[in-house]
């Protein structure tokens, strides 16, 4: 029987995968762990499909995965705060460089 857990990840976990593809390096994409083999996790991407419309899959090492983070009910924004923004179906790293007063 195939293993169902590798480190802190298990089959059916919702995860984000750190991309190393050109043009997407540093971005995190939503996926589900569908299997585990030879020290890698098989993931199925939630928003990326191939030419036939089938969800894309990839075998990735655990260091390129994180569990889907919980969103805080509130947080304090300040200059220099490291944040992520959602664009083109991925989470991209950024930093607050300008702040305006609330209206």
Foldseek 3Di string as FASTA:
>chain_A
DFDQDDVPDGAQAWKWFQDPDVPRHQWTAIWGFHGDDDQWTKTWGDPDDDPVRHTDIDTGHPVRIDGDDDDDPDDDADFQDWDWDDDPRITHIDTDHDDDDDD
